[in-house]
Amino acid sequence: MAKHITDDQMKEQRGYIMRLREDNARYAAEYGHTRRALTETYGCQQNENDTERIRGMLRDAGFEFTDDMKNADVVIYNTCAVRENAEQKVFGRLGLLKPVKERRRNMVIGVCGCMVQQEHITEKIKKSHEHVDLIFGTHALYKMPELLYKAINEKKTVVDIAESDGAIAEDMPIMRDDAKKAWVSVMYGCNNFCTYCIVPYVRGRERSREPKAVIAEVKELVKNGCSEISLLGQNVNSYGKDLKTDIDFADLMRMVNDIEGVERIRFMTSHPKDLSDKLINTIAECDKVCKQLHLPFQAGSDRILKQMNRRYTKAEYLAKIEKVKKAVPNISLSTDVIVGFPTETNEDFEETLDVLRKVEFDNIFSFIYSRREGTPAAKLDFVLTDEEIHKNFNRLLEVQNEISLKKNKEYVGRIERILVDGVSKTNPEMLSGRCDSSKIVNFKGTDDLIGKYINVRITEAHTWSLNGEPVKEN
């Protein structure tokens, strides 16, 4: 049974929010404006969801927001530990902030999230970036008001990276940027301990939110105009195993499906070993659940899968995919792939390409293996050279690009229902949205369409997106 942060603990944090608000009022009286905060997020959707809570607490504490570090009074970087590249970006940003902090001594710089939950990273920041004022890990998220208040008023570095299996904090303030779409965390942590992955060490063991808490959050979102709900967890297929109630993820999804006002339901991430027939049938039977599945396979070689501790074989993965395709024809499939796991050979890599060709994913998220200190795989020696790994990575992209374009061409001529997100990132003269399968669709339209569902006829296919034209509805 998951532990929960108590009402008294949450009340204490609300008290610190009020203290920060009073501080900000005094600051505004002296400087002519309230304190401005800048937040940046690195990593997964869980980090994005955590940042929404950070911003909610800052908003309630009276902060305004800015995107310019030179104008920010408080800067908070919410970090990722999964890949080295994300860590280096954060260190680079901290370096850029040093001269800014020298000019503006009252500025508070904070680093939080998975990266600093690792003690060696926190020690590196304390030693090499002495201008950082606040460091807190994933388990101290709910305590941010207290920690920030101390960092502002005590003029010393405040650190809270206490190890914990994690506790669930409900009723935290949250500030979402998108009124129509929302991430809703249903569980936290991971019990799988894949040998390459740092997540269980920085996010703790699996713990599920009570169904009534999830449903209450969704209903509140719907009341405020939200219509697309994405259920979020490190491994949603494990939802409910630690609850006293006999409710699993498929049951929870059906409960969300029954909520009036919800138009679309998405979810991630699923672990192949836990993908049940019950969940597959739920995807097929629930009208609001998008016909889309993200199912990471990571590698095609059974030998590498065993060394990764993935606990399924290539054949078992492919069999599950066939079950999904049979139950949900035309389902959109995506996956994660790691290239260059230390013991991977070129022969092993060919097995990965074989999975791509057999499944024909709509798109993939591919990564070159990144060694993570503290994980079992970090002790393994590489078989392939860096040059060979990058060559294989490029081959992977070539194979997948062909498949993605082929799958997208199948959409040409179809009419797809699109939730319009805003201006296209690739063409500022067009709008952009996503269809049920989560494919990006760009089209000509006016700004009054943003936030609405419209029908779009697909006219052109690209590797990573579709073009279309709005269809007038009767």
Protein backbone atom coordinates (compact mmCIF):
# COMPACT_ATOMS: atom_id res chain seq x y z
CA MET A 1 0.00 0.00 0.00
CA ALA A 2 1.46 3.35 -1.03
CA LYS A 3 2.31 5.87 1.65
CA HIS A 4 0.73 9.30 1.45
CA ILE A 5 1.96 12.71 2.51
CA THR A 6 -0.32 13.61 5.42
CA ASP A 7 -2.85 16.44 5.52
CA ASP A 8 -0.72 18.13 8.19
CA GLN A 9 2.36 17.98 5.97
CA MET A 10 0.44 19.48 3.06
CA LYS A 11 -1.02 22.15 5.35
CA GLU A 12 2.52 23.07 6.41
CA GLN A 13 3.50 23.56 2.76
CA ARG A 14 0.44 25.72 2.14
CA GLY A 15 1.67 27.81 5.03
CA TYR A 16 5.00 28.31 3.28
CA ILE A 17 3.15 29.26 0.08
CA MET A 18 1.44 32.04 2.04
CA ARG A 19 4.80 33.16 3.49
CA LEU A 20 6.24 33.34 -0.02
CA ARG A 21 3.21 35.31 -1.16
CA GLU A 22 3.75 37.82 1.66
CA ASP A 23 7.45 38.01 0.75
CA ASN A 24 6.52 38.70 -2.86
CA ALA A 25 4.15 41.50 -1.82
CA ARG A 26 6.99 43.17 0.10
CA TYR A 27 9.33 42.63 -2.85
CA ALA A 28 6.82 44.22 -5.25
CA ALA A 29 6.43 47.23 -2.95
CA GLU A 30 10.20 47.75 -2.97
CA TYR A 31 11.08 46.95 -6.60
CA GLY A 32 7.85 47.77 -8.42
CA HIS A 33 7.14 44.22 -9.60
CA THR A 34 6.59 40.84 -8.01
CA ARG A 35 9.26 38.16 -8.34
CA ARG A 36 9.42 36.45 -11.72
CA ALA A 37 10.07 32.74 -12.11
CA LEU A 38 11.48 30.73 -15.00
CA THR A 39 11.03 26.95 -15.18
CA GLU A 40 12.63 24.59 -17.70
CA THR A 41 11.91 20.87 -18.01
CA TYR A 42 14.14 18.10 -19.30
CA GLY A 43 13.08 14.51 -19.83
CA CYS A 44 9.85 12.58 -19.83
CA GLN A 45 6.17 13.39 -19.48
CA GLN A 46 6.38 12.67 -15.76
CA ASN A 47 8.87 15.52 -15.46
CA GLU A 48 6.53 17.75 -17.46
CA ASN A 49 3.74 16.84 -15.05
CA ASP A 50 5.99 17.58 -12.06
CA THR A 51 6.87 20.98 -13.51
CA GLU A 52 3.16 21.76 -13.81
CA ARG A 53 3.00 21.27 -10.05
CA ILE A 54 6.07 23.42 -9.46
CA ARG A 55 4.46 26.18 -11.51
CA GLY A 56 1.20 25.75 -9.62
CA MET A 57 2.97 26.27 -6.31
CA LEU A 58 4.87 29.27 -7.67
CA ARG A 59 1.67 30.82 -9.04
CA ASP A 60 -0.13 30.38 -5.72
CA ALA A 61 2.88 31.96 -4.00
CA GLY A 62 2.41 35.11 -6.10
CA PHE A 63 5.13 34.64 -8.70
CA GLU A 64 4.81 35.85 -12.27
CA PHE A 65 6.51 33.90 -15.07
CA THR A 66 9.13 34.76 -17.66
CA ASP A 67 11.08 32.94 -20.38
CA ASP A 68 14.10 35.25 -20.07
CA MET A 69 16.71 34.13 -17.54
CA LYS A 70 18.08 37.69 -17.36
CA ASN A 71 14.73 38.89 -15.98
CA ALA A 72 14.07 35.92 -13.70
CA ASP A 73 14.31 36.22 -9.94
CA VAL A 74 13.90 32.46 -9.49
CA VAL A 75 15.10 29.86 -12.00
CA ILE A 76 14.22 26.18 -11.53
CA TYR A 77 15.51 23.42 -13.81
CA ASN A 78 13.57 20.15 -13.53
CA THR A 79 16.06 17.57 -14.71
CA CYS A 80 16.31 14.12 -16.29
CA ALA A 81 18.80 11.37 -15.43
CA VAL A 82 17.99 8.90 -18.20
CA ARG A 83 20.57 10.14 -20.72
CA GLU A 84 23.87 11.95 -20.38
CA ASN A 85 22.91 14.51 -23.01
CA ALA A 86 20.10 15.87 -20.81
CA GLU A 87 22.53 16.24 -17.89
CA GLN A 88 25.05 18.11 -20.01
CA LYS A 89 22.36 20.54 -21.16
CA VAL A 90 21.56 21.37 -17.55
CA PHE A 91 25.22 21.92 -16.65
CA GLY A 92 25.49 24.16 -19.70
CA ARG A 93 22.49 26.20 -18.57
CA LEU A 94 23.93 26.53 -15.08
CA GLY A 95 27.14 27.84 -16.60
CA LEU A 96 25.22 30.52 -18.50
CA LEU A 97 23.50 31.60 -15.29
CA LYS A 98 26.71 32.24 -13.36
CA PRO A 99 27.45 35.73 -14.77
CA VAL A 100 23.75 36.61 -14.50
CA LYS A 101 23.79 35.67 -10.81
CA GLU A 102 26.94 37.76 -10.28
CA ARG A 103 25.05 40.82 -11.49
CA ARG A 104 21.85 39.96 -9.63
CA ARG A 105 22.79 38.64 -6.21
CA ASN A 106 19.18 38.16 -5.09
CA MET A 107 18.48 35.69 -7.88
CA VAL A 108 17.69 32.15 -6.67
CA ILE A 109 18.78 29.23 -8.85
CA GLY A 110 17.27 25.80 -8.25
CA VAL A 111 17.86 22.34 -9.72
CA CYS A 112 15.40 19.55 -9.02
CA GLY A 113 14.24 16.20 -10.35
CA CYS A 114 15.81 12.87 -11.26
CA MET A 115 19.32 14.11 -12.03
CA VAL A 116 19.95 15.53 -8.56
CA GLN A 117 18.37 12.54 -6.81
CA GLN A 118 21.77 10.97 -7.54
CA GLU A 119 24.15 11.99 -4.78
CA HIS A 120 27.24 12.17 -7.02
CA ILE A 121 25.48 14.68 -9.29
CA THR A 122 24.41 16.83 -6.36
CA GLU A 123 27.99 16.84 -5.04
CA LYS A 124 29.24 17.88 -8.49
CA ILE A 125 26.79 20.80 -8.58
CA LYS A 126 27.73 21.92 -5.07
CA LYS A 127 31.43 21.80 -5.95
CA SER A 128 31.40 23.20 -9.50
CA HIS A 129 28.35 25.48 -9.45
CA GLU A 130 28.40 27.26 -6.12
CA HIS A 131 25.91 29.82 -7.44
CA VAL A 132 23.12 27.21 -7.21
CA ASP A 133 20.94 27.96 -4.18
CA LEU A 134 18.43 25.12 -4.15
CA ILE A 135 18.69 21.40 -4.91
CA PHE A 136 15.83 18.97 -4.31
CA GLY A 137 15.09 15.48 -5.57
CA THR A 138 11.98 13.76 -6.83
CA HIS A 139 10.74 12.80 -3.37
CA ALA A 140 10.86 16.38 -2.08
CA LEU A 141 8.71 17.90 -4.83
CA TYR A 142 5.81 18.62 -2.49
CA LYS A 143 8.20 20.46 -0.13
CA MET A 144 9.30 22.99 -2.74
CA PRO A 145 7.52 25.95 -1.03
CA GLU A 146 9.43 25.34 2.21
CA LEU A 147 12.75 24.77 0.46
CA LEU A 148 12.37 27.83 -1.77
CA TYR A 149 11.38 30.00 1.19
CA LYS A 150 14.56 28.94 3.01
CA ALA A 151 16.72 29.48 -0.08
CA ILE A 152 15.38 33.03 -0.44
CA ASN A 153 15.59 34.01 3.21
CA GLU A 154 18.49 32.05 4.67
CA LYS A 155 20.99 32.94 1.93
CA LYS A 156 22.57 29.50 1.88
CA THR A 157 22.34 26.46 -0.36
CA VAL A 158 19.33 24.35 0.56
CA VAL A 159 19.53 20.65 -0.31
CA ASP A 160 16.94 17.87 0.05
CA ILE A 161 17.72 14.68 -1.84
CA ALA A 162 16.70 12.24 0.89
CA GLU A 163 16.29 8.71 -0.41
CA SER A 164 12.81 7.28 -0.20
CA ASP A 165 10.61 4.63 -1.72
CA GLY A 166 8.32 7.56 -2.27
CA ALA A 167 5.03 8.79 -0.93
CA ILE A 168 2.08 10.20 -2.82
CA ALA A 169 1.17 13.85 -2.33
CA GLU A 170 -2.40 14.69 -3.32
CA ASP A 171 -4.00 18.11 -3.71
CA MET A 172 -0.83 19.87 -4.88
CA PRO A 173 -1.45 23.06 -6.85
CA ILE A 174 -1.02 22.57 -10.59
CA MET A 175 -0.70 24.99 -13.50
CA ARG A 176 -1.25 23.50 -16.95
CA ASP A 177 -0.51 25.43 -20.14
CA ASP A 178 -3.01 23.53 -22.27
CA ALA A 179 -6.69 23.93 -21.36
CA LYS A 180 -7.85 21.06 -23.58
CA LYS A 181 -5.25 18.35 -22.87
CA ALA A 182 -3.80 17.13 -19.59
CA TRP A 183 -1.40 14.57 -18.20
CA VAL A 184 -2.86 12.78 -15.17
CA SER A 185 -0.40 10.69 -13.17
CA VAL A 186 -1.95 7.42 -12.03
CA MET A 187 1.19 5.98 -10.43
CA TYR A 188 4.81 6.78 -9.69
CA GLY A 189 8.07 4.84 -9.63
CA CYS A 190 9.14 1.55 -11.18
CA ASN A 191 9.92 -1.97 -9.95
CA ASN A 192 11.41 -3.40 -13.14
CA PHE A 193 15.11 -2.56 -12.72
CA CYS A 194 16.11 -2.84 -16.35
CA THR A 195 19.89 -2.97 -16.20
CA TYR A 196 20.41 0.19 -18.27
CA CYS A 197 17.82 2.33 -16.45
CA ILE A 198 18.27 4.76 -13.56
CA VAL A 199 14.54 5.42 -13.03
CA PRO A 200 13.86 3.00 -10.14
CA TYR A 201 16.79 4.51 -8.24
CA VAL A 202 15.66 8.12 -8.64
CA ARG A 203 11.86 7.73 -8.61
CA GLY A 204 11.47 4.91 -6.10
CA ARG A 205 9.26 1.85 -6.11
CA GLU A 206 5.90 1.62 -7.83
CA ARG A 207 3.02 3.26 -5.99
CA SER A 208 -0.49 3.77 -7.31
CA ARG A 209 -2.83 6.65 -6.65
CA GLU A 210 -6.25 5.72 -5.32
CA PRO A 211 -8.81 5.42 -8.14
CA LYS A 212 -11.08 7.97 -6.50
CA ALA A 213 -8.23 10.54 -6.53
CA VAL A 214 -7.56 9.95 -10.24
CA ILE A 215 -11.26 10.15 -11.12
CA ALA A 216 -11.72 13.30 -9.05
CA GLU A 217 -8.81 14.98 -10.88
CA VAL A 218 -10.22 14.01 -14.28
CA LYS A 219 -13.69 15.28 -13.40
CA GLU A 220 -12.24 18.59 -12.24
CA LEU A 221 -10.30 18.89 -15.49
CA VAL A 222 -13.43 18.21 -17.54
CA LYS A 223 -15.34 20.81 -15.52
CA ASN A 224 -12.66 23.33 -16.54
CA GLY A 225 -12.93 22.50 -20.24
CA CYS A 226 -10.32 19.74 -20.67
CA SER A 227 -11.33 16.91 -23.01
CA GLU A 228 -8.19 14.84 -23.77
CA ILE A 229 -6.76 12.91 -20.81
CA SER A 230 -3.40 11.13 -20.92
CA LEU A 231 -2.96 8.65 -18.08
CA LEU A 232 0.67 8.60 -17.01
CA GLY A 233 2.98 6.21 -15.21
CA GLN A 234 6.42 4.65 -15.57
CA ASN A 235 4.63 1.33 -16.16
CA VAL A 236 0.87 1.84 -16.20
CA ASN A 237 0.30 -1.89 -16.65
CA SER A 238 1.35 -2.36 -13.01
CA TYR A 239 -1.27 0.07 -11.74
CA GLY A 240 -3.24 -1.17 -8.74
CA LYS A 241 -0.93 -3.99 -7.64
CA ASP A 242 -0.19 -2.12 -4.41
CA LEU A 243 -3.79 -1.05 -3.72
CA LYS A 244 -6.24 -2.72 -1.37
CA THR A 245 -8.98 -2.34 -3.98
CA ASP A 246 -9.20 -4.93 -6.76
CA ILE A 247 -8.79 -2.40 -9.58
CA ASP A 248 -6.17 -2.64 -12.30
CA PHE A 249 -5.26 -0.24 -15.09
CA ALA A 250 -7.83 -1.62 -17.50
CA ASP A 251 -10.55 -1.06 -14.88
CA LEU A 252 -9.31 2.48 -14.23
CA MET A 253 -9.34 3.27 -17.94
CA ARG A 254 -12.95 2.11 -18.21
CA MET A 255 -13.84 4.36 -15.27
CA VAL A 256 -12.30 7.35 -17.06
CA ASN A 257 -14.05 6.30 -20.26
CA ASP A 258 -17.38 6.59 -18.45
CA ILE A 259 -16.81 10.23 -17.42
CA GLU A 260 -19.04 12.57 -19.37
CA GLY A 261 -17.06 15.29 -21.15
CA VAL A 262 -13.92 13.18 -21.73
CA GLU A 263 -13.42 12.92 -25.48
CA ARG A 264 -10.08 11.14 -25.76
CA ILE A 265 -7.98 8.94 -23.50
CA ARG A 266 -4.32 8.21 -24.09
CA PHE A 267 -1.80 6.46 -21.82
CA MET A 268 1.86 5.66 -21.42
CA THR A 269 4.03 3.82 -20.79
CA SER A 270 3.28 0.09 -21.02
CA HIS A 271 5.81 -2.66 -20.33
CA PRO A 272 5.48 -5.58 -22.78
CA LYS A 273 5.74 -8.23 -20.07
CA ASP A 274 2.67 -6.80 -18.33
CA LEU A 275 0.48 -6.08 -21.36
CA SER A 276 -2.60 -8.21 -20.62
CA ASP A 277 -5.39 -9.47 -22.86
CA LYS A 278 -7.75 -7.54 -20.58
CA LEU A 279 -5.99 -4.26 -21.37
CA ILE A 280 -5.91 -5.04 -25.11
CA ASN A 281 -9.66 -5.68 -25.04
CA THR A 282 -10.21 -2.45 -23.11
CA ILE A 283 -8.40 -0.47 -25.82
CA ALA A 284 -10.58 -2.17 -28.42
CA GLU A 285 -13.90 -1.77 -26.58
CA CYS A 286 -13.69 1.72 -25.05
CA ASP A 287 -14.87 4.32 -27.54
CA LYS A 288 -12.86 7.19 -26.02
CA VAL A 289 -9.54 5.31 -25.77
CA CYS A 290 -7.35 6.31 -28.71
CA LYS A 291 -6.40 3.45 -30.97
CA GLN A 292 -2.73 3.99 -30.28
CA LEU A 293 -0.22 1.97 -28.27
CA HIS A 294 3.31 2.84 -27.20
CA LEU A 295 5.07 -0.43 -26.35
CA PRO A 296 8.87 -0.19 -25.93
CA PHE A 297 10.79 -3.27 -27.10
CA GLN A 298 14.30 -1.71 -26.72
CA ALA A 299 16.18 -4.50 -28.54
CA GLY A 300 15.41 -7.43 -30.85
CA SER A 301 18.03 -9.88 -29.66
CA ASP A 302 16.95 -12.34 -26.95
CA ARG A 303 20.48 -12.32 -25.56
CA ILE A 304 20.47 -8.54 -25.19
CA LEU A 305 16.90 -8.51 -23.83
CA LYS A 306 18.00 -10.94 -21.12
CA GLN A 307 21.02 -8.79 -20.25
CA MET A 308 18.70 -5.77 -20.14
CA ASN A 309 16.46 -7.68 -17.70
CA ARG A 310 13.42 -7.00 -19.87
CA ARG A 311 11.82 -10.38 -19.06
CA TYR A 312 10.33 -11.17 -22.44
CA THR A 313 11.69 -12.62 -25.68
CA LYS A 314 11.50 -11.29 -29.20
CA ALA A 315 8.91 -13.97 -30.05
CA GLU A 316 6.79 -13.07 -27.01
CA TYR A 317 6.87 -9.39 -27.95
CA LEU A 318 5.86 -10.09 -31.53
CA ALA A 319 3.06 -12.39 -30.35
CA LYS A 320 1.63 -9.59 -28.20
CA ILE A 321 1.80 -7.18 -31.11
CA GLU A 322 -0.15 -9.66 -33.24
CA LYS A 323 -2.80 -9.89 -30.51
CA VAL A 324 -3.06 -6.10 -30.46
CA LYS A 325 -3.36 -5.86 -34.25
CA LYS A 326 -6.05 -8.55 -34.32
CA ALA A 327 -8.10 -6.89 -31.56
CA VAL A 328 -7.59 -3.33 -32.82
CA PRO A 329 -7.17 -3.23 -36.61
CA ASN A 330 -5.29 -0.17 -37.91
CA ILE A 331 -3.95 0.64 -34.44
CA SER A 332 -1.06 3.12 -34.44
CA LEU A 333 2.04 1.60 -32.85
CA SER A 334 5.12 3.31 -31.46
CA THR A 335 8.09 2.07 -29.49
CA ASP A 336 11.44 2.85 -27.84
CA VAL A 337 14.69 1.39 -29.16
CA ILE A 338 18.18 1.47 -27.64
CA VAL A 339 21.11 1.10 -30.03
CA GLY A 340 24.58 0.18 -28.77
CA PHE A 341 23.87 -1.59 -25.47
CA PRO A 342 27.39 -2.50 -24.26
CA THR A 343 27.34 -6.19 -25.24
CA GLU A 344 25.35 -5.70 -28.45
CA THR A 345 26.95 -7.07 -31.61
CA ASN A 346 26.11 -6.29 -35.22
CA GLU A 347 24.25 -9.62 -35.34
CA ASP A 348 22.18 -8.57 -32.32
CA PHE A 349 21.39 -5.29 -34.02
CA GLU A 350 20.07 -7.11 -37.10
CA GLU A 351 17.46 -8.68 -34.80
CA THR A 352 16.33 -5.18 -33.84
CA LEU A 353 15.91 -4.25 -37.51
CA ASP A 354 13.93 -7.45 -37.99
CA VAL A 355 11.44 -6.34 -35.32
CA LEU A 356 11.00 -2.98 -37.06
CA ARG A 357 10.27 -4.69 -40.37
CA LYS A 358 7.89 -7.25 -38.89
CA VAL A 359 5.86 -4.84 -36.73
CA GLU A 360 5.96 -1.75 -38.96
CA PHE A 361 5.69 0.84 -36.20
CA ASP A 362 4.16 4.18 -37.13
CA ASN A 363 7.08 5.86 -35.39
CA ILE A 364 9.87 5.09 -32.94
CA PHE A 365 11.83 6.91 -30.26
CA SER A 366 15.41 5.78 -30.73
CA PHE A 367 18.42 6.39 -28.52
CA ILE A 368 22.07 5.49 -28.43
CA TYR A 369 22.82 3.76 -25.12
CA SER A 370 23.90 6.16 -22.41
CA ARG A 371 25.92 4.75 -19.49
CA ARG A 372 24.27 5.59 -16.15
CA GLU A 373 26.39 5.38 -13.00
CA GLY A 374 24.83 3.03 -10.46
CA THR A 375 23.11 0.73 -12.95
CA PRO A 376 24.32 -2.87 -13.62
CA ALA A 377 24.89 -2.18 -17.33
CA ALA A 378 27.38 0.57 -16.49
CA LYS A 379 29.88 -2.15 -15.52
CA LEU A 380 29.75 -3.86 -18.92
CA ASP A 381 32.36 -3.40 -21.65
CA PHE A 382 31.37 -2.31 -25.15
CA VAL A 383 31.72 -4.79 -28.02
CA LEU A 384 31.12 -2.31 -30.84
CA THR A 385 33.10 0.83 -31.50
CA ASP A 386 31.48 4.23 -31.26
CA GLU A 387 31.67 4.48 -35.05
CA GLU A 388 29.86 1.14 -35.49
CA ILE A 389 27.14 2.14 -33.01
CA HIS A 390 26.47 5.41 -34.83
CA LYS A 391 26.44 3.58 -38.16
CA ASN A 392 23.82 1.17 -36.81
CA PHE A 393 21.80 4.04 -35.37
CA ASN A 394 21.69 5.71 -38.79
CA ARG A 395 20.64 2.42 -40.41
CA LEU A 396 17.84 2.13 -37.85
CA LEU A 397 16.56 5.58 -38.79
CA GLU A 398 16.75 4.79 -42.51
CA VAL A 399 14.67 1.64 -42.10
CA GLN A 400 12.12 3.34 -39.85
CA ASN A 401 11.82 6.46 -42.02
CA GLU A 402 10.74 4.27 -44.94
CA ILE A 403 8.18 2.50 -42.77
CA SER A 404 6.85 5.74 -41.24
CA LEU A 405 6.39 7.33 -44.67
CA LYS A 406 4.65 4.20 -45.95
CA LYS A 407 2.27 4.17 -42.95
CA ASN A 408 1.56 7.89 -43.34
CA LYS A 409 0.74 7.53 -47.04
CA GLU A 410 -2.10 5.20 -46.02
CA TYR A 411 -3.80 8.25 -44.46
CA VAL A 412 -4.01 10.24 -47.68
CA GLY A 413 -7.67 10.70 -48.63
CA ARG A 414 -8.95 9.87 -45.14
CA ILE A 415 -10.92 12.31 -43.01
CA GLU A 416 -9.43 12.51 -39.51
CA ARG A 417 -10.81 14.22 -36.43
CA ILE A 418 -8.19 16.65 -35.14
CA LEU A 419 -7.81 18.44 -31.82
CA VAL A 420 -6.20 21.71 -32.91
CA ASP A 421 -3.16 22.51 -30.73
CA GLY A 422 -1.99 25.79 -32.24
CA VAL A 423 0.47 27.12 -34.81
CA SER A 424 2.53 24.46 -36.58
CA LYS A 425 6.13 24.13 -35.38
CA THR A 426 7.34 23.47 -38.91
CA ASN A 427 5.27 26.08 -40.78
CA PRO A 428 4.13 29.21 -38.93
CA GLU A 429 1.55 29.86 -41.64
CA MET A 430 -0.32 26.68 -40.75
CA LEU A 431 -2.12 25.27 -37.73
CA SER A 432 -1.35 21.89 -36.24
CA GLY A 433 -3.17 19.21 -34.29
CA ARG A 434 -3.23 15.49 -33.63
CA CYS A 435 -5.63 12.84 -34.79
CA ASP A 436 -6.75 9.81 -32.77
CA SER A 437 -3.55 7.94 -33.65
CA SER A 438 -1.48 10.92 -32.38
CA LYS A 439 -0.09 11.73 -35.81
CA ILE A 440 0.65 15.42 -36.34
CA VAL A 441 -1.58 17.04 -38.95
CA ASN A 442 -0.76 20.50 -40.40
CA PHE A 443 -3.40 22.53 -42.23
CA LYS A 444 -4.44 26.05 -43.16
CA GLY A 445 -6.84 27.59 -40.68
CA THR A 446 -7.71 30.53 -38.47
CA ASP A 447 -6.71 30.98 -34.84
CA ASP A 448 -10.31 30.61 -33.63
CA LEU A 449 -9.98 26.86 -34.37
CA ILE A 450 -7.32 26.40 -31.66
CA GLY A 451 -8.64 24.17 -28.90
CA LYS A 452 -11.46 22.78 -31.03
CA TYR A 453 -12.06 19.40 -32.68
CA ILE A 454 -12.42 19.61 -36.45
CA ASN A 455 -12.45 17.18 -39.37
CA VAL A 456 -9.49 17.36 -41.73
CA ARG A 457 -9.06 15.53 -45.02
CA ILE A 458 -5.47 14.27 -45.36
CA THR A 459 -3.94 15.46 -48.62
CA GLU A 460 -0.22 14.82 -48.25
CA ALA A 461 2.05 12.50 -46.26
CA HIS A 462 5.52 13.25 -44.91
CA THR A 463 7.77 11.03 -42.83
CA TRP A 464 6.86 12.60 -39.49
CA SER A 465 3.62 14.45 -40.21
CA LEU A 466 0.58 14.81 -42.43
CA ASN A 467 -0.88 17.76 -44.31
CA GLY A 468 -4.60 18.28 -44.78
CA GLU A 469 -7.47 20.65 -45.35
CA PRO A 470 -10.42 21.28 -43.03
CA VAL A 471 -13.72 19.68 -44.02
CA LYS A 472 -16.86 21.71 -43.47
CA GLU A 473 -19.19 19.92 -41.10
CA ASN A 474 -22.92 19.79 -41.73
